[in-house]
PDB file of N, CA and C in Angstrom:
ATOM      1  N   UNK A   1       0.849  -1.172   0.000  1.00  0.00           N
ATOM      2  CA  UNK A   1       0.000   0.000   0.000  1.00  0.00           C
ATOM      3  C   UNK A   1       0.895   1.235   0.000  1.00  0.00           C
ATOM      4  N   UNK A   2       0.555   2.187  -0.837  1.00  0.00           N
ATOM      5  CA  UNK A   2       1.303   3.437  -0.907  1.00  0.00           C
ATOM      6  C   UNK A   2       0.398   4.588  -0.455  1.00  0.00           C
ATOM      7  N   UNK A   3       0.962   5.781  -0.362  1.00  0.00           N
ATOM      8  CA  UNK A   3       0.215   6.927   0.134  1.00  0.00           C
ATOM      9  C   UNK A   3      -1.031   7.199  -0.714  1.00  0.00           C
ATOM     10  N   UNK A   4      -0.926   7.016  -2.015  1.00  0.00           N
ATOM     11  CA  UNK A   4      -2.071   7.233  -2.901  1.00  0.00           C
ATOM     12  C   UNK A   4      -3.213   6.276  -2.559  1.00  0.00           C
ATOM     13  N   UNK A   5      -2.889   5.048  -2.184  1.00  0.00           N
ATOM     14  CA  UNK A   5      -3.917   4.086  -1.773  1.00  0.00           C
ATOM     15  C   UNK A   5      -4.626   4.552  -0.505  1.00  0.00           C
ATOM     16  N   UNK A   6      -3.876   5.125   0.414  1.00  0.00           N
ATOM     17  CA  UNK A   6      -4.475   5.644   1.649  1.00  0.00           C
ATOM     18  C   UNK A   6      -5.405   6.810   1.323  1.00  0.00           C
ATOM     19  N   UNK A   7      -4.971   7.689   0.437  1.00  0.00           N
ATOM     20  CA  UNK A   7      -5.801   8.825   0.034  1.00  0.00           C
ATOM     21  C   UNK A   7      -7.085   8.337  -0.621  1.00  0.00           C
ATOM     22  N   UNK A   8      -6.973   7.368  -1.513  1.00  0.00           N
ATOM     23  CA  UNK A   8      -8.166   6.828  -2.182  1.00  0.00           C
ATOM     24  C   UNK A   8      -9.100   6.154  -1.187  1.00  0.00           C
ATOM     25  N   UNK A   9      -8.565   5.502  -0.176  1.00  0.00           N
ATOM     26  CA  UNK A   9      -9.388   4.873   0.862  1.00  0.00           C
ATOM     27  C   UNK A   9     -10.160   5.933   1.644  1.00  0.00           C
ATOM     28  N   UNK A  10      -9.507   7.051   1.960  1.00  0.00           N
ATOM     29  CA  UNK A  10     -10.185   8.147   2.659  1.00  0.00           C
ATOM     30  C   UNK A  10     -11.305   8.707   1.790  1.00  0.00           C
ATOM     31  N   UNK A  11     -11.041   8.879   0.505  1.00  0.00           N
ATOM     32  CA  UNK A  11     -12.061   9.391  -0.417  1.00  0.00           C
ATOM     33  C   UNK A  11     -13.249   8.430  -0.469  1.00  0.00           C
ATOM     34  N   UNK A  12     -12.990   7.136  -0.588  1.00  0.00           N
ATOM     35  CA  UNK A  12     -14.064   6.150  -0.699  1.00  0.00           C
ATOM     36  C   UNK A  12     -14.894   6.053   0.583  1.00  0.00           C
ATOM     37  N   UNK A  13     -14.252   6.158   1.733  1.00  0.00           N
ATOM     38  CA  UNK A  13     -14.979   6.005   3.004  1.00  0.00           C
ATOM     39  C   UNK A  13     -15.723   7.256   3.432  1.00  0.00           C
ATOM     40  N   UNK A  14     -15.195   8.432   3.084  1.00  0.00           N
ATOM     41  CA  UNK A  14     -15.800   9.668   3.571  1.00  0.00           C
ATOM     42  C   UNK A  14     -16.570  10.434   2.514  1.00  0.00           C
ATOM     43  N   UNK A  15     -16.223  10.245   1.250  1.00  0.00           N
ATOM     44  CA  UNK A  15     -16.901  10.972   0.184  1.00  0.00           C
ATOM     45  C   UNK A  15     -16.387  12.382  -0.024  1.00  0.00           C
ATOM     46  N   UNK A  16     -15.307  12.759   0.653  1.00  0.00           N
ATOM     47  CA  UNK A  16     -14.754  14.096   0.436  1.00  0.00           C
ATOM     48  C   UNK A  16     -13.936  14.095  -0.849  1.00  0.00           C
ATOM     49  N   UNK A  17     -13.576  15.284  -1.306  1.00  0.00           N
ATOM     50  CA  UNK A  17     -12.825  15.382  -2.561  1.00  0.00           C
ATOM     51  C   UNK A  17     -11.419  14.809  -2.385  1.00  0.00           C
ATOM     52  N   UNK A  18     -10.835  14.426  -3.502  1.00  0.00           N
ATOM     53  CA  UNK A  18      -9.500  13.836  -3.459  1.00  0.00           C
ATOM     54  C   UNK A  18      -8.478  14.852  -2.957  1.00  0.00           C
ATOM     55  N   UNK A  19      -8.650  16.129  -3.322  1.00  0.00           N
ATOM     56  CA  UNK A  19      -7.710  17.168  -2.882  1.00  0.00           C
ATOM     57  C   UNK A  19      -7.754  17.335  -1.364  1.00  0.00           C
ATOM     58  N   UNK A  20      -8.968  17.334  -0.799  1.00  0.00           N
ATOM     59  CA  UNK A  20      -9.092  17.473   0.659  1.00  0.00           C
ATOM     60  C   UNK A  20      -8.559  16.240   1.377  1.00  0.00           C
ATOM     61  N   UNK A  21      -8.801  15.060   0.803  1.00  0.00           N
ATOM     62  CA  UNK A  21      -8.282  13.825   1.404  1.00  0.00           C
ATOM     63  C   UNK A  21      -6.765  13.826   1.374  1.00  0.00           C
ATOM     64  N   UNK A  22      -6.184  14.274   0.267  1.00  0.00           N
ATOM     65  CA  UNK A  22      -4.718  14.330   0.168  1.00  0.00           C
ATOM     66  C   UNK A  22      -4.157  15.303   1.188  1.00  0.00           C
ATOM     67  N   UNK A  23      -4.808  16.448   1.355  1.00  0.00           N
ATOM     68  CA  UNK A  23      -4.363  17.438   2.340  1.00  0.00           C
ATOM     69  C   UNK A  23      -4.443  16.863   3.753  1.00  0.00           C
ATOM     70  N   UNK A  24      -5.513  16.122   4.044  1.00  0.00           N
ATOM     71  CA  UNK A  24      -5.672  15.530   5.370  1.00  0.00           C
ATOM     72  C   UNK A  24      -4.587  14.491   5.638  1.00  0.00           C
ATOM     73  N   UNK A  25      -4.340  13.613   4.687  1.00  0.00           N
ATOM     74  CA  UNK A  25      -3.324  12.574   4.871  1.00  0.00           C
ATOM     75  C   UNK A  25      -1.940  13.205   5.017  1.00  0.00           C
ATOM     76  N   UNK A  26      -1.643  14.191   4.189  1.00  0.00           N
ATOM     77  CA  UNK A  26      -0.353  14.884   4.272  1.00  0.00           C
ATOM     78  C   UNK A  26      -0.189  15.558   5.632  1.00  0.00           C
ATOM     79  N   UNK A  27      -1.252  16.170   6.153  1.00  0.00           N
ATOM     80  CA  UNK A  27      -1.129  16.855   7.435  1.00  0.00           C
ATOM     81  C   UNK A  27      -0.938  15.855   8.577  1.00  0.00           C
ATOM     82  N   UNK A  28      -1.574  14.689   8.498  1.00  0.00           N
ATOM     83  CA  UNK A  28      -1.375  13.660   9.520  1.00  0.00           C
ATOM     84  C   UNK A  28       0.075  13.192   9.510  1.00  0.00           C
ATOM     85  N   UNK A  29       0.604  12.900   8.322  1.00  0.00           N
ATOM     86  CA  UNK A  29       1.990  12.439   8.226  1.00  0.00           C
ATOM     87  C   UNK A  29       2.969  13.526   8.669  1.00  0.00           C
ATOM     88  N   UNK A  30       2.683  14.777   8.319  1.00  0.00           N
ATOM     89  CA  UNK A  30       3.567  15.874   8.727  1.00  0.00           C
ATOM     90  C   UNK A  30       3.556  16.024  10.251  1.00  0.00           C
ATOM     91  N   UNK A  31       2.386  15.900  10.861  1.00  0.00           N
ATOM     92  CA  UNK A  31       2.294  15.976  12.315  1.00  0.00           C
ATOM     93  C   UNK A  31       3.050  14.849  12.995  1.00  0.00           C
ATOM     94  N   UNK A  32       2.952  13.647  12.432  1.00  0.00           N
ATOM     95  CA  UNK A  32       3.688  12.514  12.986  1.00  0.00           C
ATOM     96  C   UNK A  32       5.192  12.741  12.859  1.00  0.00           C
ATOM     97  N   UNK A  33       5.617  13.261  11.728  1.00  0.00           N
ATOM     98  CA  UNK A  33       7.045  13.516  11.512  1.00  0.00           C
ATOM     99  C   UNK A  33       7.570  14.560  12.505  1.00  0.00           C
ATOM    100  N   UNK A  34       6.792  15.630  12.713  1.00  0.00           N
ATOM    101  CA  UNK A  34       7.213  16.662  13.673  1.00  0.00           C
ATOM    102  C   UNK A  34       7.314  16.087  15.083  1.00  0.00           C
ATOM    103  N   UNK A  35       6.356  15.252  15.455  1.00  0.00           N
ATOM    104  CA  UNK A  35       6.374  14.650  16.794  1.00  0.00           C
ATOM    105  C   UNK A  35       7.596  13.758  16.961  1.00  0.00           C
ATOM    106  N   UNK A  36       7.927  12.970  15.957  1.00  0.00           N
ATOM    107  CA  UNK A  36       9.096  12.096  16.049  1.00  0.00           C
ATOM    108  C   UNK A  36      10.388  12.908  16.071  1.00  0.00           C
ATOM    109  N   UNK A  37      10.428  14.019  15.334  1.00  0.00           N
ATOM    110  CA  UNK A  37      11.612  14.881  15.356  1.00  0.00           C
ATOM    111  C   UNK A  37      11.847  15.455  16.755  1.00  0.00           C
ATOM    112  N   UNK A  38      10.755  15.731  17.482  1.00  0.00           N
ATOM    113  CA  UNK A  38      10.875  16.237  18.859  1.00  0.00           C
ATOM    114  C   UNK A  38      11.221  15.118  19.835  1.00  0.00           C
ATOM    115  N   UNK A  39      11.160  13.879  19.384  1.00  0.00           N
ATOM    116  CA  UNK A  39      11.446  12.751  20.260  1.00  0.00           C
ATOM    117  C   UNK A  39      10.214  12.222  20.968  1.00  0.00           C
ATOM    118  N   UNK A  40       9.032  12.693  20.562  1.00  0.00           N
ATOM    119  CA  UNK A  40       7.788  12.242  21.181  1.00  0.00           C
ATOM    120  C   UNK A  40       7.437  10.827  20.731  1.00  0.00           C
ATOM    121  N   UNK A  41       6.608  10.198  21.516  1.00  0.00           N
ATOM    122  CA  UNK A  41       6.112   8.851  21.228  1.00  0.00           C
ATOM    123  C   UNK A  41       4.732   8.989  20.594  1.00  0.00           C
ATOM    124  N   UNK A  42       4.463   8.225  19.541  1.00  0.00           N
ATOM    125  CA  UNK A  42       3.157   8.245  18.887  1.00  0.00           C
ATOM    126  C   UNK A  42       2.485   6.905  19.142  1.00  0.00           C
ATOM    127  N   UNK A  43       1.347   6.950  19.812  1.00  0.00           N
ATOM    128  CA  UNK A  43       0.615   5.731  20.125  1.00  0.00           C
ATOM    129  C   UNK A  43      -0.732   5.765  19.420  1.00  0.00           C
ATOM    130  N   UNK A  44      -0.952   4.813  18.528  1.00  0.00           N
ATOM    131  CA  UNK A  44      -2.224   4.670  17.828  1.00  0.00           C
ATOM    132  C   UNK A  44      -2.871   3.396  18.352  1.00  0.00           C
ATOM    133  N   UNK A  45      -3.838   3.543  19.222  1.00  0.00           N
ATOM    134  CA  UNK A  45      -4.467   2.390  19.876  1.00  0.00           C
ATOM    135  C   UNK A  45      -4.982   1.401  18.843  1.00  0.00           C
ATOM    136  N   UNK A  46      -4.661   0.150  19.052  1.00  0.00           N
ATOM    137  CA  UNK A  46      -5.086  -0.913  18.154  1.00  0.00           C
ATOM    138  C   UNK A  46      -4.178  -1.080  16.947  1.00  0.00           C
ATOM    139  N   UNK A  47      -3.313  -0.108  16.703  1.00  0.00           N
ATOM    140  CA  UNK A  47      -2.406  -0.194  15.554  1.00  0.00           C
ATOM    141  C   UNK A  47      -0.980  -0.423  16.009  1.00  0.00           C
ATOM    142  N   UNK A  48      -0.447   0.499  16.809  1.00  0.00           N
ATOM    143  CA  UNK A  48       0.911   0.328  17.293  1.00  0.00           C
ATOM    144  C   UNK A  48       1.499   1.609  17.835  1.00  0.00           C
ATOM    145  N   UNK A  49       2.791   1.542  18.146  1.00  0.00           N
ATOM    146  CA  UNK A  49       3.502   2.661  18.751  1.00  0.00           C
ATOM    147  C   UNK A  49       4.765   2.944  17.941  1.00  0.00           C
ATOM    148  N   UNK A  50       4.958   4.225  17.617  1.00  0.00           N
ATOM    149  CA  UNK A  50       6.190   4.690  16.988  1.00  0.00           C
ATOM    150  C   UNK A  50       6.976   5.437  18.041  1.00  0.00           C
ATOM    151  N   UNK A  51       8.281   5.185  18.127  1.00  0.00           N
ATOM    152  CA  UNK A  51       9.114   5.980  19.024  1.00  0.00           C
ATOM    153  C   UNK A  51      10.532   6.063  18.462  1.00  0.00           C
ATOM    154  N   UNK A  52      11.255   7.057  18.959  1.00  0.00           N
ATOM    155  CA  UNK A  52      12.626   7.291  18.520  1.00  0.00           C
ATOM    156  C   UNK A  52      13.554   6.717  19.575  1.00  0.00           C
ATOM    157  N   UNK A  53      14.498   5.904  19.138  1.00  0.00           N
ATOM    158  CA  UNK A  53      15.450   5.301  20.074  1.00  0.00           C
ATOM    159  C   UNK A  53      16.862   5.639  19.626  1.00  0.00           C
ATOM    160  N   UNK A  54      17.748   5.822  20.578  1.00  0.00           N
ATOM    161  CA  UNK A  54      19.143   6.107  20.213  1.00  0.00           C
ATOM    162  C   UNK A  54      19.806   4.875  19.607  1.00  0.00           C
ATOM    163  N   UNK A  55      20.667   5.126  18.649  1.00  0.00           N
ATOM    164  CA  UNK A  55      21.430   4.052  18.016  1.00  0.00           C
ATOM    165  C   UNK A  55      22.873   4.182  18.477  1.00  0.00           C
ATOM    166  N   UNK A  56      23.461   3.070  18.882  1.00  0.00           N
ATOM    167  CA  UNK A  56      24.815   3.091  19.431  1.00  0.00           C
ATOM    168  C   UNK A  56      25.856   3.399  18.357  1.00  0.00           C
ATOM    169  N   UNK A  57      26.965   3.902  18.828  1.00  0.00           N
ATOM    170  CA  UNK A  57      28.111   4.104  17.964  1.00  0.00           C
ATOM    171  C   UNK A  57      28.738   2.742  17.690  1.00  0.00           C
ATOM    172  N   UNK A  58      29.446   2.631  16.606  1.00  0.00           N
ATOM    173  CA  UNK A  58      30.036   1.339  16.295  1.00  0.00           C
ATOM    174  C   UNK A  58      31.173   1.464  15.307  1.00  0.00           C
ATOM    175  N   UNK A  59      31.710   0.339  14.934  1.00  0.00           N
ATOM    176  CA  UNK A  59      32.793   0.294  13.960  1.00  0.00           C
ATOM    177  C   UNK A  59      32.331  -0.598  12.811  1.00  0.00           C
ATOM    178  N   UNK A  60      32.417  -0.056  11.614  1.00  0.00           N
ATOM    179  CA  UNK A  60      32.064  -0.814  10.422  1.00  0.00           C
ATOM    180  C   UNK A  60      33.282  -0.986   9.542  1.00  0.00           C
ATOM    181  N   UNK A  61      33.080  -1.622   8.430  1.00  0.00           N
ATOM    182  CA  UNK A  61      34.184  -1.817   7.482  1.00  0.00           C
ATOM    183  C   UNK A  61      33.761  -1.357   6.101  1.00  0.00           C
ATOM    184  N   UNK A  62      34.682  -0.701   5.431  1.00  0.00           N
ATOM    185  CA  UNK A  62      34.468  -0.339   4.044  1.00  0.00           C
ATOM    186  C   UNK A  62      34.589  -1.626   3.229  1.00  0.00           C
ATOM    187  N   UNK A  63      33.528  -2.050   2.539  1.00  0.00           N
ATOM    188  CA  UNK A  63      33.586  -3.333   1.837  1.00  0.00           C
ATOM    189  C   UNK A  63      34.608  -3.352   0.700  1.00  0.00           C
ATOM    190  N   UNK A  64      34.932  -2.202   0.159  1.00  0.00           N
ATOM    191  CA  UNK A  64      35.864  -2.147  -0.957  1.00  0.00           C
ATOM    192  C   UNK A  64      37.321  -2.255  -0.505  1.00  0.00           C
ATOM    193  N   UNK A  65      37.639  -1.525   0.584  1.00  0.00           N
ATOM    194  CA  UNK A  65      39.038  -1.493   1.024  1.00  0.00           C
ATOM    195  C   UNK A  65      39.296  -2.321   2.281  1.00  0.00           C
ATOM    196  N   UNK A  66      38.245  -2.618   3.027  1.00  0.00           N
ATOM    197  CA  UNK A  66      38.422  -3.353   4.280  1.00  0.00           C
ATOM    198  C   UNK A  66      38.838  -2.473   5.437  1.00  0.00           C
ATOM    199  N   UNK A  67      38.959  -1.161   5.200  1.00  0.00           N
ATOM    200  CA  UNK A  67      39.362  -0.232   6.260  1.00  0.00           C
ATOM    201  C   UNK A  67      38.233  -0.040   7.261  1.00  0.00           C
ATOM    202  N   UNK A  68      38.620   0.161   8.517  1.00  0.00           N
ATOM    203  CA  UNK A  68      37.621   0.405   9.548  1.00  0.00           C
ATOM    204  C   UNK A  68      37.029   1.800   9.401  1.00  0.00           C
ATOM    205  N   UNK A  69      35.730   1.904   9.664  1.00  0.00           N
ATOM    206  CA  UNK A  69      35.026   3.175   9.585  1.00  0.00           C
ATOM    207  C   UNK A  69      34.230   3.333  10.872  1.00  0.00           C
ATOM    208  N   UNK A  70      34.366   4.481  11.510  1.00  0.00           N
ATOM    209  CA  UNK A  70      33.582   4.753  12.713  1.00  0.00           C
ATOM    210  C   UNK A  70      32.166   5.135  12.312  1.00  0.00           C
ATOM    211  N   UNK A  71      31.190   4.506  12.956  1.00  0.00           N
ATOM    212  CA  UNK A  71      29.787   4.812  12.708  1.00  0.00           C
ATOM    213  C   UNK A  71      29.311   5.684  13.858  1.00  0.00           C
ATOM    214  N   UNK A  72      28.855   6.881  13.520  1.00  0.00           N
ATOM    215  CA  UNK A  72      28.439   7.854  14.530  1.00  0.00           C
ATOM    216  C   UNK A  72      27.132   7.420  15.187  1.00  0.00           C
ATOM    217  N   UNK A  73      26.941   7.797  16.450  1.00  0.00           N
ATOM    218  CA  UNK A  73      25.655   7.488  17.084  1.00  0.00           C
ATOM    219  C   UNK A  73      24.553   8.272  16.401  1.00  0.00           C
ATOM    220  N   UNK A  74      23.386   7.731  16.410  1.00  0.00           N
ATOM    221  CA  UNK A  74      22.264   8.396  15.752  1.00  0.00           C
ATOM    222  C   UNK A  74      20.962   8.017  16.411  1.00  0.00           C
ATOM    223  N   UNK A  75      19.890   8.228  15.689  1.00  0.00           N
ATOM    224  CA  UNK A  75      18.565   7.899  16.178  1.00  0.00           C
ATOM    225  C   UNK A  75      17.865   7.060  15.118  1.00  0.00           C
ATOM    226  N   UNK A  76      17.017   6.157  15.579  1.00  0.00           N
ATOM    227  CA  UNK A  76      16.255   5.309  14.669  1.00  0.00           C
ATOM    228  C   UNK A  76      14.810   5.278  15.134  1.00  0.00           C
ATOM    229  N   UNK A  77      13.907   5.273  14.190  1.00  0.00           N
ATOM    230  CA  UNK A  77      12.486   5.185  14.503  1.00  0.00           C
ATOM    231  C   UNK A  77      12.112   3.713  14.567  1.00  0.00           C
ATOM    232  N   UNK A  78      11.461   3.341  15.648  1.00  0.00           N
ATOM    233  CA  UNK A  78      11.034   1.959  15.855  1.00  0.00           C
ATOM    234  C   UNK A  78       9.509   1.911  15.875  1.00  0.00           C
ATOM    235  N   UNK A  79       8.973   0.803  15.389  1.00  0.00           N
ATOM    236  CA  UNK A  79       7.532   0.580  15.407  1.00  0.00           C
ATOM    237  C   UNK A  79       7.240  -0.722  16.122  1.00  0.00           C
ATOM    238  N   UNK A  80       6.346  -0.666  17.083  1.00  0.00           N
ATOM    239  CA  UNK A  80       5.928  -1.872  17.796  1.00  0.00           C
ATOM    240  C   UNK A  80       4.434  -2.040  17.526  1.00  0.00           C
ATOM    241  N   UNK A  81       4.052  -3.109  16.830  1.00  0.00           N
ATOM    242  CA  UNK A  81       2.634  -3.284  16.499  1.00  0.00           C
ATOM    243  C   UNK A  81       1.778  -3.537  17.735  1.00  0.00           C
ATOM    244  N   UNK A  82       0.535  -3.070  17.675  1.00  0.00           N
ATOM    245  CA  UNK A  82      -0.419  -3.289  18.757  1.00  0.00           C
ATOM    246  C   UNK A  82      -0.991  -4.699  18.700  1.00  0.00           C
ATOM    247  N   UNK A  83      -1.773  -5.042  19.716  1.00  0.00           N
ATOM    248  CA  UNK A  83      -2.331  -6.398  19.802  1.00  0.00           C
ATOM    249  C   UNK A  83      -3.239  -6.722  18.618  1.00  0.00           C
ATOM    250  N   UNK A  84      -4.052  -5.745  18.180  1.00  0.00           N
ATOM    251  CA  UNK A  84      -4.949  -5.997  17.059  1.00  0.00           C
ATOM    252  C   UNK A  84      -4.166  -6.278  15.780  1.00  0.00           C
ATOM    253  N   UNK A  85      -3.072  -5.583  15.595  1.00  0.00           N
ATOM    254  CA  UNK A  85      -2.267  -5.763  14.396  1.00  0.00           C
ATOM    255  C   UNK A  85      -1.471  -7.065  14.467  1.00  0.00           C
ATOM    256  N   UNK A  86      -1.062  -7.469  15.650  1.00  0.00           N
ATOM    257  CA  UNK A  86      -0.302  -8.724  15.806  1.00  0.00           C
ATOM    258  C   UNK A  86      -1.173  -9.944  15.573  1.00  0.00           C
ATOM    259  N   UNK A  87      -2.472  -9.807  15.772  1.00  0.00           N
ATOM    260  CA  UNK A  87      -3.354 -10.968  15.642  1.00  0.00           C
ATOM    261  C   UNK A  87      -3.762 -11.259  14.197  1.00  0.00           C
ATOM    262  N   UNK A  88      -3.264 -10.483  13.249  1.00  0.00           N
ATOM    263  CA  UNK A  88      -3.570 -10.724  11.832  1.00  0.00           C
ATOM    264  C   UNK A  88      -2.871 -11.991  11.384  1.00  0.00           C
ATOM    265  N   UNK A  89      -3.616 -12.844  10.722  1.00  0.00           N
ATOM    266  CA  UNK A  89      -3.030 -14.104  10.233  1.00  0.00           C
ATOM    267  C   UNK A  89      -2.914 -14.092   8.740  1.00  0.00           C
TER     268      UNK A  89
END
C-alpha cells in the first residue's frame, strides 16, 4: 500500500474530494514527523507505537578497502505493532 492508496481509501470512506483527502493525509503524516523529530512517542491504539530510540556508535568496514570506519551514534524510529495488528493471520 502506498500513500495514494491511503488517500483513495479516505475518499471512498468519507466521500470528500480527493484534494481534501490528500491534504488531510499529508497533514497527519507531517504531524507525525514533527512529533518524532521532537522525540515524542506516537501511540495509535489498536495499531501500534512509533518511538525514537538512540542508536549506538560502532565500527564498520568499508567493503571495498576493508578499512575500519567509525559509525556515529544516531537515532532510529522503531515501530511496535499493537495487539490488534499482531493478531492478523
